[in-house]
Amino acid sequence: AKRKVMIMDLLNDIEGFNVNDPSGAFYIFPDISAYIGKKHG
């Protein structure tokens, strides 16, 4: 539960990550569709 709060804060700081607040397990499942079509190298 403590780690969940920490990783949500860290991922919410990444532009393009859409993060919900999971109520159980030990996963987080961000929507990263904002990156589709982007490039690097």
Full PDB file with SEQRES, HELIX, SHEET, SSBOND, CRYST1, ORIGX, SCALE, CONECT and MASTER records, all heavy atoms in Angstrom:
SEQRES   1 A   41  ALA LYS ARG LYS VAL MET ILE MET ASP LEU LEU ASN ASP          
SEQRES   2 A   41  ILE GLU GLY PHE ASN VAL ASN ASP PRO SER GLY ALA PHE          
SEQRES   3 A   41  TYR ILE PHE PRO ASP ILE SER ALA TYR ILE GLY LYS LYS          
SEQRES   4 A   41  HIS GLY                                                      
HELIX    1 AA1 LYS A    2  ASN A   12  1                                  11    
HELIX    2 AA2 SER A   33  TYR A   35  5                                   3    
CRYST1    1.000    1.000    1.000  90.00  90.00  90.00 P 1           1          
ORIGX1      1.000000  0.000000  0.000000        0.00000                         
ORIGX2      0.000000  1.000000  0.000000        0.00000                         
ORIGX3      0.000000  0.000000  1.000000        0.00000                         
SCALE1      1.000000  0.000000  0.000000        0.00000                         
SCALE2      0.000000  1.000000  0.000000        0.00000                         
SCALE3      0.000000  0.000000  1.000000        0.00000                         
ATOM      1  N   ALA A   1       0.828  -1.203   0.000  1.00  0.00           N  
ATOM      2  CA  ALA A   1       0.000   0.000   0.000  1.00  0.00           C  
ATOM      3  C   ALA A   1       0.865   1.256   0.000  1.00  0.00           C  
ATOM      4  O   ALA A   1       0.571   2.239  -0.702  1.00  0.00           O  
ATOM      5  CB  ALA A   1      -0.931   0.000   1.208  1.00  0.00           C  
ATOM      6  N   LYS A   2       1.938   1.226   0.765  1.00  0.00           N  
ATOM      7  CA  LYS A   2       2.857   2.367   0.814  1.00  0.00           C  
ATOM      8  C   LYS A   2       3.567   2.553  -0.529  1.00  0.00           C  
ATOM      9  O   LYS A   2       3.712   3.671  -1.031  1.00  0.00           O  
ATOM     10  CB  LYS A   2       3.879   2.137   1.929  1.00  0.00           C  
ATOM     11  CG  LYS A   2       4.850   3.281   2.131  1.00  0.00           C  
ATOM     12  CD  LYS A   2       5.809   2.973   3.276  1.00  0.00           C  
ATOM     13  CE  LYS A   2       6.844   4.075   3.439  1.00  0.00           C  
ATOM     14  NZ  LYS A   2       7.832   3.746   4.516  1.00  0.00           N  
ATOM     15  N   ARG A   3       3.999   1.443  -1.121  1.00  0.00           N  
ATOM     16  CA  ARG A   3       4.674   1.515  -2.421  1.00  0.00           C  
ATOM     17  C   ARG A   3       3.725   2.026  -3.503  1.00  0.00           C  
ATOM     18  O   ARG A   3       4.144   2.739  -4.415  1.00  0.00           O  
ATOM     19  CB  ARG A   3       5.202   0.133  -2.820  1.00  0.00           C  
ATOM     20  CG  ARG A   3       6.330  -0.383  -1.957  1.00  0.00           C  
ATOM     21  CD  ARG A   3       6.660  -1.795  -2.366  1.00  0.00           C  
ATOM     22  NE  ARG A   3       7.603  -2.424  -1.462  1.00  0.00           N  
ATOM     23  CZ  ARG A   3       7.966  -3.707  -1.537  1.00  0.00           C  
ATOM     24  NH1 ARG A   3       7.462  -4.475  -2.487  1.00  0.00           N  
ATOM     25  NH2 ARG A   3       8.824  -4.214  -0.683  1.00  0.00           N  
ATOM     26  N   LYS A   4       2.466   1.640  -3.411  1.00  0.00           N  
ATOM     27  CA  LYS A   4       1.493   2.087  -4.412  1.00  0.00           C  
ATOM     28  C   LYS A   4       1.429   3.603  -4.447  1.00  0.00           C  
ATOM     29  O   LYS A   4       1.431   4.232  -5.521  1.00  0.00           O  
ATOM     30  CB  LYS A   4       0.110   1.506  -4.116  1.00  0.00           C  
ATOM     31  CG  LYS A   4      -0.930   1.891  -5.160  1.00  0.00           C  
ATOM     32  CD  LYS A   4      -2.349   1.636  -4.692  1.00  0.00           C  
ATOM     33  CE  LYS A   4      -2.834   2.724  -3.758  1.00  0.00           C  
ATOM     34  NZ  LYS A   4      -4.301   2.675  -3.540  1.00  0.00           N  
ATOM     35  N   VAL A   5       1.349   4.222  -3.283  1.00  0.00           N  
ATOM     36  CA  VAL A   5       1.291   5.685  -3.211  1.00  0.00           C  
ATOM     37  C   VAL A   5       2.548   6.293  -3.826  1.00  0.00           C  
ATOM     38  O   VAL A   5       2.481   7.260  -4.596  1.00  0.00           O  
ATOM     39  CB  VAL A   5       1.120   6.147  -1.750  1.00  0.00           C  
ATOM     40  CG1 VAL A   5       1.224   7.668  -1.656  1.00  0.00           C  
ATOM     41  CG2 VAL A   5      -0.213   5.664  -1.188  1.00  0.00           C  
ATOM     42  N   MET A   6       3.692   5.692  -3.522  1.00  0.00           N  
ATOM     43  CA  MET A   6       4.957   6.208  -4.034  1.00  0.00           C  
ATOM     44  C   MET A   6       5.028   6.110  -5.552  1.00  0.00           C  
ATOM     45  O   MET A   6       5.372   7.089  -6.234  1.00  0.00           O  
ATOM     46  CB  MET A   6       6.129   5.439  -3.417  1.00  0.00           C  
ATOM     47  CG  MET A   6       7.491   5.894  -3.922  1.00  0.00           C  
ATOM     48  SD  MET A   6       8.850   4.980  -3.143  1.00  0.00           S  
ATOM     49  CE  MET A   6       8.578   3.339  -3.791  1.00  0.00           C  
ATOM     50  N   ILE A   7       4.681   4.938  -6.111  1.00  0.00           N  
ATOM     51  CA  ILE A   7       4.823   4.773  -7.554  1.00  0.00           C  
ATOM     52  C   ILE A   7       3.778   5.599  -8.298  1.00  0.00           C  
ATOM     53  O   ILE A   7       4.047   6.119  -9.390  1.00  0.00           O  
ATOM     54  CB  ILE A   7       4.766   3.277  -7.959  1.00  0.00           C  
ATOM     55  CG1 ILE A   7       5.297   3.109  -9.394  1.00  0.00           C  
ATOM     56  CG2 ILE A   7       3.363   2.707  -7.832  1.00  0.00           C  
ATOM     57  CD1 ILE A   7       5.519   1.661  -9.791  1.00  0.00           C  
ATOM     58  N   MET A   8       2.599   5.786  -7.717  1.00  0.00           N  
ATOM     59  CA  MET A   8       1.603   6.657  -8.353  1.00  0.00           C  
ATOM     60  C   MET A   8       2.126   8.082  -8.454  1.00  0.00           C  
ATOM     61  O   MET A   8       1.985   8.746  -9.492  1.00  0.00           O  
ATOM     62  CB  MET A   8       0.295   6.633  -7.558  1.00  0.00           C  
ATOM     63  CG  MET A   8      -0.557   5.401  -7.789  1.00  0.00           C  
ATOM     64  SD  MET A   8      -2.124   5.508  -6.876  1.00  0.00           S  
ATOM     65  CE  MET A   8      -2.869   6.943  -7.654  1.00  0.00           C  
ATOM     66  N   ASP A   9       2.745   8.564  -7.378  1.00  0.00           N  
ATOM     67  CA  ASP A   9       3.301   9.921  -7.401  1.00  0.00           C  
ATOM     68  C   ASP A   9       4.391  10.042  -8.463  1.00  0.00           C  
ATOM     69  O   ASP A   9       4.455  11.039  -9.198  1.00  0.00           O  
ATOM     70  CB  ASP A   9       3.876  10.271  -6.025  1.00  0.00           C  
ATOM     71  CG  ASP A   9       2.803  10.530  -4.985  1.00  0.00           C  
ATOM     72  OD1 ASP A   9       1.639  10.748  -5.374  1.00  0.00           O  
ATOM     73  OD2 ASP A   9       3.123  10.505  -3.777  1.00  0.00           O  
ATOM     74  N   LEU A  10       5.248   9.028  -8.551  1.00  0.00           N  
ATOM     75  CA  LEU A  10       6.346   9.071  -9.522  1.00  0.00           C  
ATOM     76  C   LEU A  10       5.840   9.020 -10.957  1.00  0.00           C  
ATOM     77  O   LEU A  10       6.314   9.752 -11.824  1.00  0.00           O  
ATOM     78  CB  LEU A  10       7.311   7.902  -9.251  1.00  0.00           C  
ATOM     79  CG  LEU A  10       8.105   7.988  -7.950  1.00  0.00           C  
ATOM     80  CD1 LEU A  10       8.771   6.649  -7.643  1.00  0.00           C  
ATOM     81  CD2 LEU A  10       9.166   9.090  -8.028  1.00  0.00           C  
ATOM     82  N   LEU A  11       4.851   8.167 -11.217  1.00  0.00           N  
ATOM     83  CA  LEU A  11       4.344   8.023 -12.584  1.00  0.00           C  
ATOM     84  C   LEU A  11       3.476   9.209 -12.989  1.00  0.00           C  
ATOM     85  O   LEU A  11       3.445   9.595 -14.165  1.00  0.00           O  
ATOM     86  CB  LEU A  11       3.565   6.721 -12.722  1.00  0.00           C  
ATOM     87  CG  LEU A  11       4.386   5.428 -12.582  1.00  0.00           C  
ATOM     88  CD1 LEU A  11       3.477   4.202 -12.679  1.00  0.00           C  
ATOM     89  CD2 LEU A  11       5.489   5.349 -13.629  1.00  0.00           C  
ATOM     90  N   ASN A  12       2.776   9.779 -12.042  1.00  0.00           N  
ATOM     91  CA  ASN A  12       1.958  10.963 -12.354  1.00  0.00           C  
ATOM     92  C   ASN A  12       2.826  12.163 -12.737  1.00  0.00           C  
ATOM     93  O   ASN A  12       2.331  13.131 -13.323  1.00  0.00           O  
ATOM     94  CB  ASN A  12       1.070  11.330 -11.162  1.00  0.00           C  
ATOM     95  CG  ASN A  12      -0.227  10.541 -11.140  1.00  0.00           C  
ATOM     96  OD1 ASN A  12      -0.827  10.302 -12.181  1.00  0.00           O  
ATOM     97  ND2 ASN A  12      -0.656  10.119  -9.961  1.00  0.00           N  
ATOM     98  N   ASP A  13       4.102  12.080 -12.415  1.00  0.00           N  
ATOM     99  CA  ASP A  13       5.043  13.143 -12.755  1.00  0.00           C  
ATOM    100  C   ASP A  13       5.594  12.993 -14.169  1.00  0.00           C  
ATOM    101  O   ASP A  13       6.390  13.820 -14.610  1.00  0.00           O  
ATOM    102  CB  ASP A  13       6.201  13.140 -11.735  1.00  0.00           C  
ATOM    103  CG  ASP A  13       7.039  14.409 -11.799  1.00  0.00           C  
ATOM    104  OD1 ASP A  13       6.448  15.494 -11.932  1.00  0.00           O  
ATOM    105  OD2 ASP A  13       8.281  14.304 -11.744  1.00  0.00           O  
ATOM    106  N   ILE A  14       5.179  11.899 -14.862  1.00  0.00           N  
ATOM    107  CA  ILE A  14       5.636  11.680 -16.238  1.00  0.00           C  
ATOM    108  C   ILE A  14       4.540  12.127 -17.196  1.00  0.00           C  
ATOM    109  O   ILE A  14       3.435  11.575 -17.202  1.00  0.00           O  
ATOM    110  CB  ILE A  14       5.969  10.189 -16.482  1.00  0.00           C  
ATOM    111  CG1 ILE A  14       7.014   9.687 -15.466  1.00  0.00           C  
ATOM    112  CG2 ILE A  14       6.487   9.985 -17.909  1.00  0.00           C  
ATOM    113  CD1 ILE A  14       7.321   8.198 -15.577  1.00  0.00           C  
ATOM    114  N   GLU A  15       4.828  13.134 -17.991  1.00  0.00           N  
ATOM    115  CA  GLU A  15       3.840  13.630 -18.936  1.00  0.00           C  
ATOM    116  C   GLU A  15       3.486  12.538 -19.953  1.00  0.00           C  
ATOM    117  O   GLU A  15       4.353  11.879 -20.507  1.00  0.00           O  
ATOM    118  CB  GLU A  15       4.392  14.855 -19.681  1.00  0.00           C  
ATOM    119  CG  GLU A  15       3.376  15.526 -20.570  1.00  0.00           C  
ATOM    120  CD  GLU A  15       3.916  16.781 -21.236  1.00  0.00           C  
ATOM    121  OE1 GLU A  15       5.051  17.195 -20.899  1.00  0.00           O  
ATOM    122  OE2 GLU A  15       3.205  17.342 -22.095  1.00  0.00           O  
ATOM    123  N   GLY A  16       2.195  12.342 -20.152  1.00  0.00           N  
ATOM    124  CA  GLY A  16       1.746  11.305 -21.078  1.00  0.00           C  
ATOM    125  C   GLY A  16       1.295  10.033 -20.392  1.00  0.00           C  
ATOM    126  O   GLY A  16       0.695   9.163 -21.021  1.00  0.00           O  
ATOM    127  N   PHE A  17       1.576   9.899 -19.082  1.00  0.00           N  
ATOM    128  CA  PHE A  17       1.111   8.750 -18.314  1.00  0.00           C  
ATOM    129  C   PHE A  17      -0.229   9.095 -17.672  1.00  0.00           C  
ATOM    130  O   PHE A  17      -0.338  10.088 -16.947  1.00  0.00           O  
ATOM    131  CB  PHE A  17       2.116   8.386 -17.217  1.00  0.00           C  
ATOM    132  CG  PHE A  17       3.169   7.417 -17.656  1.00  0.00           C  
ATOM    133  CD1 PHE A  17       4.001   7.713 -18.727  1.00  0.00           C  
ATOM    134  CD2 PHE A  17       3.351   6.197 -17.003  1.00  0.00           C  
ATOM    135  CE1 PHE A  17       4.986   6.829 -19.134  1.00  0.00           C  
ATOM    136  CE2 PHE A  17       4.326   5.311 -17.402  1.00  0.00           C  
ATOM    137  CZ  PHE A  17       5.145   5.622 -18.480  1.00  0.00           C  
ATOM    138  N   ASN A  18      -1.245   8.283 -17.938  1.00  0.00           N  
ATOM    139  CA  ASN A  18      -2.555   8.428 -17.308  1.00  0.00           C  
ATOM    140  C   ASN A  18      -2.706   7.288 -16.311  1.00  0.00           C  
ATOM    141  O   ASN A  18      -2.760   6.113 -16.700  1.00  0.00           O  
ATOM    142  CB  ASN A  18      -3.653   8.375 -18.369  1.00  0.00           C  
ATOM    143  CG  ASN A  18      -5.023   8.701 -17.801  1.00  0.00           C  
ATOM    144  OD1 ASN A  18      -5.159   9.065 -16.637  1.00  0.00           O  
ATOM    145  ND2 ASN A  18      -6.055   8.562 -18.626  1.00  0.00           N  
ATOM    146  N   VAL A  19      -2.732   7.616 -15.026  1.00  0.00           N  
ATOM    147  CA  VAL A  19      -2.646   6.606 -13.964  1.00  0.00           C  
ATOM    148  C   VAL A  19      -3.905   6.644 -13.108  1.00  0.00           C  
ATOM    149  O   VAL A  19      -4.329   7.715 -12.663  1.00  0.00           O  
ATOM    150  CB  VAL A  19      -1.408   6.874 -13.077  1.00  0.00           C  
ATOM    151  CG1 VAL A  19      -1.277   5.807 -12.006  1.00  0.00           C  
ATOM    152  CG2 VAL A  19      -0.136   6.933 -13.922  1.00  0.00           C  
ATOM    153  N   ASN A  20      -4.503   5.473 -12.886  1.00  0.00           N  
ATOM    154  CA  ASN A  20      -5.624   5.405 -11.947  1.00  0.00           C  
ATOM    155  C   ASN A  20      -5.117   4.936 -10.586  1.00  0.00           C  
ATOM    156  O   ASN A  20      -3.925   4.688 -10.406  1.00  0.00           O  
ATOM    157  CB  ASN A  20      -6.733   4.493 -12.471  1.00  0.00           C  
ATOM    158  CG  ASN A  20      -6.350   3.033 -12.463  1.00  0.00           C  
ATOM    159  OD1 ASN A  20      -5.201   2.690 -12.714  1.00  0.00           O  
ATOM    160  ND2 ASN A  20      -7.307   2.158 -12.192  1.00  0.00           N  
ATOM    161  N   ASP A  21      -6.019   4.813  -9.635  1.00  0.00           N  
ATOM    162  CA  ASP A  21      -5.655   4.437  -8.269  1.00  0.00           C  
ATOM    163  C   ASP A  21      -6.127   3.011  -7.997  1.00  0.00           C  
ATOM    164  O   ASP A  21      -7.286   2.793  -7.658  1.00  0.00           O  
ATOM    165  CB  ASP A  21      -6.297   5.406  -7.275  1.00  0.00           C  
ATOM    166  CG  ASP A  21      -5.856   5.164  -5.834  1.00  0.00           C  
ATOM    167  OD1 ASP A  21      -5.101   4.194  -5.601  1.00  0.00           O  
ATOM    168  OD2 ASP A  21      -6.261   5.936  -4.956  1.00  0.00           O  
ATOM    169  N   PRO A  22      -5.242   2.013  -8.153  1.00  0.00           N  
ATOM    170  CA  PRO A  22      -5.660   0.618  -7.946  1.00  0.00           C  
ATOM    171  C   PRO A  22      -5.963   0.336  -6.475  1.00  0.00           C  
ATOM    172  O   PRO A  22      -5.338   0.904  -5.580  1.00  0.00           O  
ATOM    173  CB  PRO A  22      -4.451  -0.188  -8.429  1.00  0.00           C  
ATOM    174  CG  PRO A  22      -3.290   0.735  -8.292  1.00  0.00           C  
ATOM    175  CD  PRO A  22      -3.820   2.120  -8.524  1.00  0.00           C  
ATOM    176  N   SER A  23      -6.910  -0.547  -6.248  1.00  0.00           N  
ATOM    177  CA  SER A  23      -7.365  -0.848  -4.887  1.00  0.00           C  
ATOM    178  C   SER A  23      -6.818  -2.153  -4.338  1.00  0.00           C  
ATOM    179  O   SER A  23      -7.181  -2.563  -3.233  1.00  0.00           O  
ATOM    180  CB  SER A  23      -8.901  -0.894  -4.846  1.00  0.00           C  
ATOM    181  OG  SER A  23      -9.436   0.358  -5.192  1.00  0.00           O  
ATOM    182  N   GLY A  24      -5.947  -2.833  -5.112  1.00  0.00           N  
ATOM    183  CA  GLY A  24      -5.408  -4.096  -4.626  1.00  0.00           C  
ATOM    184  C   GLY A  24      -4.283  -4.599  -5.502  1.00  0.00           C  
ATOM    185  O   GLY A  24      -3.836  -3.915  -6.435  1.00  0.00           O  
ATOM    186  N   ALA A  25      -3.820  -5.813  -5.215  1.00  0.00           N  
ATOM    187  CA  ALA A  25      -2.686  -6.456  -5.891  1.00  0.00           C  
ATOM    188  C   ALA A  25      -1.442  -5.580  -5.754  1.00  0.00           C  
ATOM    189  O   ALA A  25      -1.359  -4.724  -4.870  1.00  0.00           O  
ATOM    190  CB  ALA A  25      -3.012  -6.773  -7.344  1.00  0.00           C  
ATOM    191  N   PHE A  26      -0.431  -5.813  -6.608  1.00  0.00           N  
ATOM    192  CA  PHE A  26       0.778  -4.971  -6.539  1.00  0.00           C  
ATOM    193  C   PHE A  26       1.196  -4.533  -7.939  1.00  0.00           C  
ATOM    194  O   PHE A  26       2.358  -4.570  -8.304  1.00  0.00           O  
ATOM    195  CB  PHE A  26       1.923  -5.666  -5.803  1.00  0.00           C  
ATOM    196  CG  PHE A  26       2.104  -7.138  -6.095  1.00  0.00           C  
ATOM    197  CD1 PHE A  26       2.471  -7.579  -7.363  1.00  0.00           C  
ATOM    198  CD2 PHE A  26       1.925  -8.081  -5.102  1.00  0.00           C  
ATOM    199  CE1 PHE A  26       2.644  -8.925  -7.642  1.00  0.00           C  
ATOM    200  CE2 PHE A  26       2.097  -9.433  -5.354  1.00  0.00           C  
ATOM    201  CZ  PHE A  26       2.467  -9.859  -6.628  1.00  0.00           C  
ATOM    202  N   TYR A  27       0.180  -4.097  -8.699  1.00  0.00           N  
ATOM    203  CA  TYR A  27       0.413  -3.608 -10.055  1.00  0.00           C  
ATOM    204  C   TYR A  27      -0.181  -2.222 -10.225  1.00  0.00           C  
ATOM    205  O   TYR A  27      -1.163  -1.861  -9.564  1.00  0.00           O  
ATOM    206  CB  TYR A  27      -0.242  -4.527 -11.096  1.00  0.00           C  
ATOM    207  CG  TYR A  27       0.122  -5.969 -10.976  1.00  0.00           C  
ATOM    208  CD1 TYR A  27      -0.808  -6.903 -10.514  1.00  0.00           C  
ATOM    209  CD2 TYR A  27       1.401  -6.426 -11.310  1.00  0.00           C  
ATOM    210  CE1 TYR A  27      -0.478  -8.239 -10.400  1.00  0.00           C  
ATOM    211  CE2 TYR A  27       1.733  -7.762 -11.191  1.00  0.00           C  
ATOM    212  CZ  TYR A  27       0.795  -8.667 -10.734  1.00  0.00           C  
ATOM    213  OH  TYR A  27       1.114  -9.991 -10.610  1.00  0.00           O  
ATOM    214  N   ILE A  28       0.406  -1.502 -11.166  1.00  0.00           N  
ATOM    215  CA  ILE A  28      -0.197  -0.268 -11.634  1.00  0.00           C  
ATOM    216  C   ILE A  28      -0.252  -0.365 -13.153  1.00  0.00           C  
ATOM    217  O   ILE A  28       0.637  -0.964 -13.772  1.00  0.00           O  
ATOM    218  CB  ILE A  28       0.572   0.964 -11.133  1.00  0.00           C  
ATOM    219  CG1 ILE A  28      -0.286   2.209 -11.233  1.00  0.00           C  
ATOM    220  CG2 ILE A  28       1.919   1.117 -11.799  1.00  0.00           C  
ATOM    221  CD1 ILE A  28       0.081   3.277 -10.226  1.00  0.00           C  
ATOM    222  N   PHE A  29      -1.304   0.177 -13.749  1.00  0.00           N  
ATOM    223  CA  PHE A  29      -1.609  -0.106 -15.150  1.00  0.00           C  
ATOM    224  C   PHE A  29      -1.855   1.207 -15.900  1.00  0.00           C  
ATOM    225  O   PHE A  29      -2.988   1.519 -16.281  1.00  0.00           O  
ATOM    226  CB  PHE A  29      -2.843  -1.011 -15.213  1.00  0.00           C  
ATOM    227  CG  PHE A  29      -2.993  -1.802 -16.486  1.00  0.00           C  
ATOM    228  CD1 PHE A  29      -2.109  -2.812 -16.829  1.00  0.00           C  
ATOM    229  CD2 PHE A  29      -4.061  -1.545 -17.345  1.00  0.00           C  
ATOM    230  CE1 PHE A  29      -2.278  -3.553 -17.996  1.00  0.00           C  
ATOM    231  CE2 PHE A  29      -4.238  -2.273 -18.509  1.00  0.00           C  
ATOM    232  CZ  PHE A  29      -3.337  -3.275 -18.834  1.00  0.00           C  
ATOM    233  N   PRO A  30      -0.807   1.985 -16.136  1.00  0.00           N  
ATOM    234  CA  PRO A  30      -0.993   3.288 -16.784  1.00  0.00           C  
ATOM    235  C   PRO A  30      -1.406   3.167 -18.247  1.00  0.00           C  
ATOM    236  O   PRO A  30      -0.977   2.264 -18.957  1.00  0.00           O  
ATOM    237  CB  PRO A  30       0.397   3.935 -16.686  1.00  0.00           C  
ATOM    238  CG  PRO A  30       1.166   3.117 -15.710  1.00  0.00           C  
ATOM    239  CD  PRO A  30       0.588   1.745 -15.775  1.00  0.00           C  
ATOM    240  N   ASP A  31      -2.210   4.109 -18.681  1.00  0.00           N  
ATOM    241  CA  ASP A  31      -2.517   4.289 -20.100  1.00  0.00           C  
ATOM    242  C   ASP A  31      -1.409   5.159 -20.689  1.00  0.00           C  
ATOM    243  O   ASP A  31      -1.205   6.296 -20.256  1.00  0.00           O  
ATOM    244  CB  ASP A  31      -3.876   4.970 -20.240  1.00  0.00           C  
ATOM    245  CG  ASP A  31      -4.327   5.097 -21.689  1.00  0.00           C  
ATOM    246  OD1 ASP A  31      -3.475   5.433 -22.544  1.00  0.00           O  
ATOM    247  OD2 ASP A  31      -5.509   4.888 -21.965  1.00  0.00           O  
ATOM    248  N   ILE A  32      -0.669   4.624 -21.659  1.00  0.00           N  
ATOM    249  CA  ILE A  32       0.443   5.363 -22.267  1.00  0.00           C  
ATOM    250  C   ILE A  32       0.166   5.620 -23.754  1.00  0.00           C  
ATOM    251  O   ILE A  32       1.098   5.826 -24.536  1.00  0.00           O  
ATOM    252  CB  ILE A  32       1.792   4.624 -22.079  1.00  0.00           C  
ATOM    253  CG1 ILE A  32       1.718   3.146 -22.538  1.00  0.00           C  
ATOM    254  CG2 ILE A  32       2.203   4.668 -20.614  1.00  0.00           C  
ATOM    255  CD1 ILE A  32       1.996   2.892 -23.970  1.00  0.00           C  
ATOM    256  N   SER A  33      -1.111   5.608 -24.116  1.00  0.00           N  
ATOM    257  CA  SER A  33      -1.462   5.761 -25.528  1.00  0.00           C  
ATOM    258  C   SER A  33      -1.026   7.113 -26.096  1.00  0.00           C  
ATOM    259  O   SER A  33      -0.937   7.269 -27.320  1.00  0.00           O  
ATOM    260  CB  SER A  33      -2.970   5.563 -25.730  1.00  0.00           C  
ATOM    261  OG  SER A  33      -3.721   6.434 -24.905  1.00  0.00           O  
ATOM    262  N   ALA A  34      -0.732   8.080 -25.226  1.00  0.00           N  
ATOM    263  CA  ALA A  34      -0.251   9.386 -25.694  1.00  0.00           C  
ATOM    264  C   ALA A  34       1.090   9.278 -26.415  1.00  0.00           C  
ATOM    265  O   ALA A  34       1.466  10.170 -27.176  1.00  0.00           O  
ATOM    266  CB  ALA A  34      -0.129  10.349 -24.511  1.00  0.00           C  
ATOM    267  N   TYR A  35       1.797   8.175 -26.189  1.00  0.00           N  
ATOM    268  CA  TYR A  35       3.106   8.005 -26.825  1.00  0.00           C  
ATOM    269  C   TYR A  35       3.031   7.314 -28.184  1.00  0.00           C  
ATOM    270  O   TYR A  35       4.044   7.248 -28.891  1.00  0.00           O  
ATOM    271  CB  TYR A  35       4.038   7.198 -25.904  1.00  0.00           C  
ATOM    272  CG  TYR A  35       4.451   7.965 -24.676  1.00  0.00           C  
ATOM    273  CD1 TYR A  35       3.771   7.793 -23.476  1.00  0.00           C  
ATOM    274  CD2 TYR A  35       5.495   8.873 -24.715  1.00  0.00           C  
ATOM    275  CE1 TYR A  35       4.122   8.508 -22.352  1.00  0.00           C  
ATOM    276  CE2 TYR A  35       5.862   9.596 -23.589  1.00  0.00           C  
ATOM    277  CZ  TYR A  35       5.166   9.405 -22.401  1.00  0.00           C  
ATOM    278  OH  TYR A  35       5.524  10.122 -21.287  1.00  0.00           O  
ATOM    279  N   ILE A  36       1.876   6.789 -28.537  1.00  0.00           N  
ATOM    280  CA  ILE A  36       1.743   6.103 -29.821  1.00  0.00           C  
ATOM    281  C   ILE A  36       1.985   7.114 -30.953  1.00  0.00           C  
ATOM    282  O   ILE A  36       1.381   8.179 -30.993  1.00  0.00           O  
ATOM    283  CB  ILE A  36       0.355   5.460 -29.969  1.00  0.00           C  
ATOM    284  CG1 ILE A  36       0.070   4.518 -28.787  1.00  0.00           C  
ATOM    285  CG2 ILE A  36       0.257   4.713 -31.304  1.00  0.00           C  
ATOM    286  CD1 ILE A  36       1.044   3.390 -28.627  1.00  0.00           C  
ATOM    287  N   GLY A  37       2.899   6.759 -31.862  1.00  0.00           N  
ATOM    288  CA  GLY A  37       3.241   7.632 -32.966  1.00  0.00           C  
ATOM    289  C   GLY A  37       4.482   8.464 -32.738  1.00  0.00           C  
ATOM    290  O   GLY A  37       4.994   9.097 -33.667  1.00  0.00           O  
ATOM    291  N   LYS A  38       4.999   8.468 -31.510  1.00  0.00           N  
ATOM    292  CA  LYS A  38       6.198   9.258 -31.214  1.00  0.00           C  
ATOM    293  C   LYS A  38       7.459   8.461 -31.546  1.00  0.00           C  
ATOM    294  O   LYS A  38       7.424   7.236 -31.690  1.00  0.00           O  
ATOM    295  CB  LYS A  38       6.195   9.708 -29.756  1.00  0.00           C  
ATOM    296  CG  LYS A  38       5.075  10.694 -29.438  1.00  0.00           C  
ATOM    297  CD  LYS A  38       5.226  11.312 -28.062  1.00  0.00           C  
ATOM    298  CE  LYS A  38       4.170  12.386 -27.835  1.00  0.00           C  
ATOM    299  NZ  LYS A  38       4.362  13.083 -26.537  1.00  0.00           N  
ATOM    300  N   LYS A  39       8.580   9.183 -31.625  1.00  0.00           N  
ATOM    301  CA  LYS A  39       9.842   8.559 -32.047  1.00  0.00           C  
ATOM    302  C   LYS A  39      11.002   9.027 -31.194  1.00  0.00           C  
ATOM    303  O   LYS A  39      10.972  10.103 -30.591  1.00  0.00           O  
ATOM    304  CB  LYS A  39      10.144   8.901 -33.513  1.00  0.00           C  
ATOM    305  CG  LYS A  39       9.113   8.460 -34.520  1.00  0.00           C  
ATOM    306  CD  LYS A  39       9.527   8.883 -35.933  1.00  0.00           C  
ATOM    307  CE  LYS A  39       8.498   8.448 -36.967  1.00  0.00           C  
ATOM    308  NZ  LYS A  39       8.918   8.837 -38.341  1.00  0.00           N  
ATOM    309  N   HIS A  40      12.031   8.184 -31.162  1.00  0.00           N  
ATOM    310  CA  HIS A  40      13.334   8.577 -30.624  1.00  0.00           C  
ATOM    311  C   HIS A  40      14.391   7.748 -31.346  1.00  0.00           C  
ATOM    312  O   HIS A  40      14.408   6.521 -31.235  1.00  0.00           O  
ATOM    313  CB  HIS A  40      13.445   8.345 -29.119  1.00  0.00           C  
ATOM    314  CG  HIS A  40      14.823   8.598 -28.597  1.00  0.00           C  
ATOM    315  ND1 HIS A  40      15.569   7.630 -27.952  1.00  0.00           N  
ATOM    316  CD2 HIS A  40      15.616   9.709 -28.654  1.00  0.00           C  
ATOM    317  CE1 HIS A  40      16.753   8.134 -27.621  1.00  0.00           C  
ATOM    318  NE2 HIS A  40      16.796   9.395 -28.033  1.00  0.00           N  
ATOM    319  N   GLY A  41      15.240   8.413 -32.095  1.00  0.00           N  
ATOM    320  CA  GLY A  41      16.260   7.701 -32.845  1.00  0.00           C  
ATOM    321  C   GLY A  41      15.633   6.718 -33.811  1.00  0.00           C  
ATOM    322  O   GLY A  41      14.764   7.074 -34.616  1.00  0.00           O  
TER     323      GLY A  41                                                      
MASTER        0    0    0    2    0    0    0    6  322    1    0    4          
END                                                                             
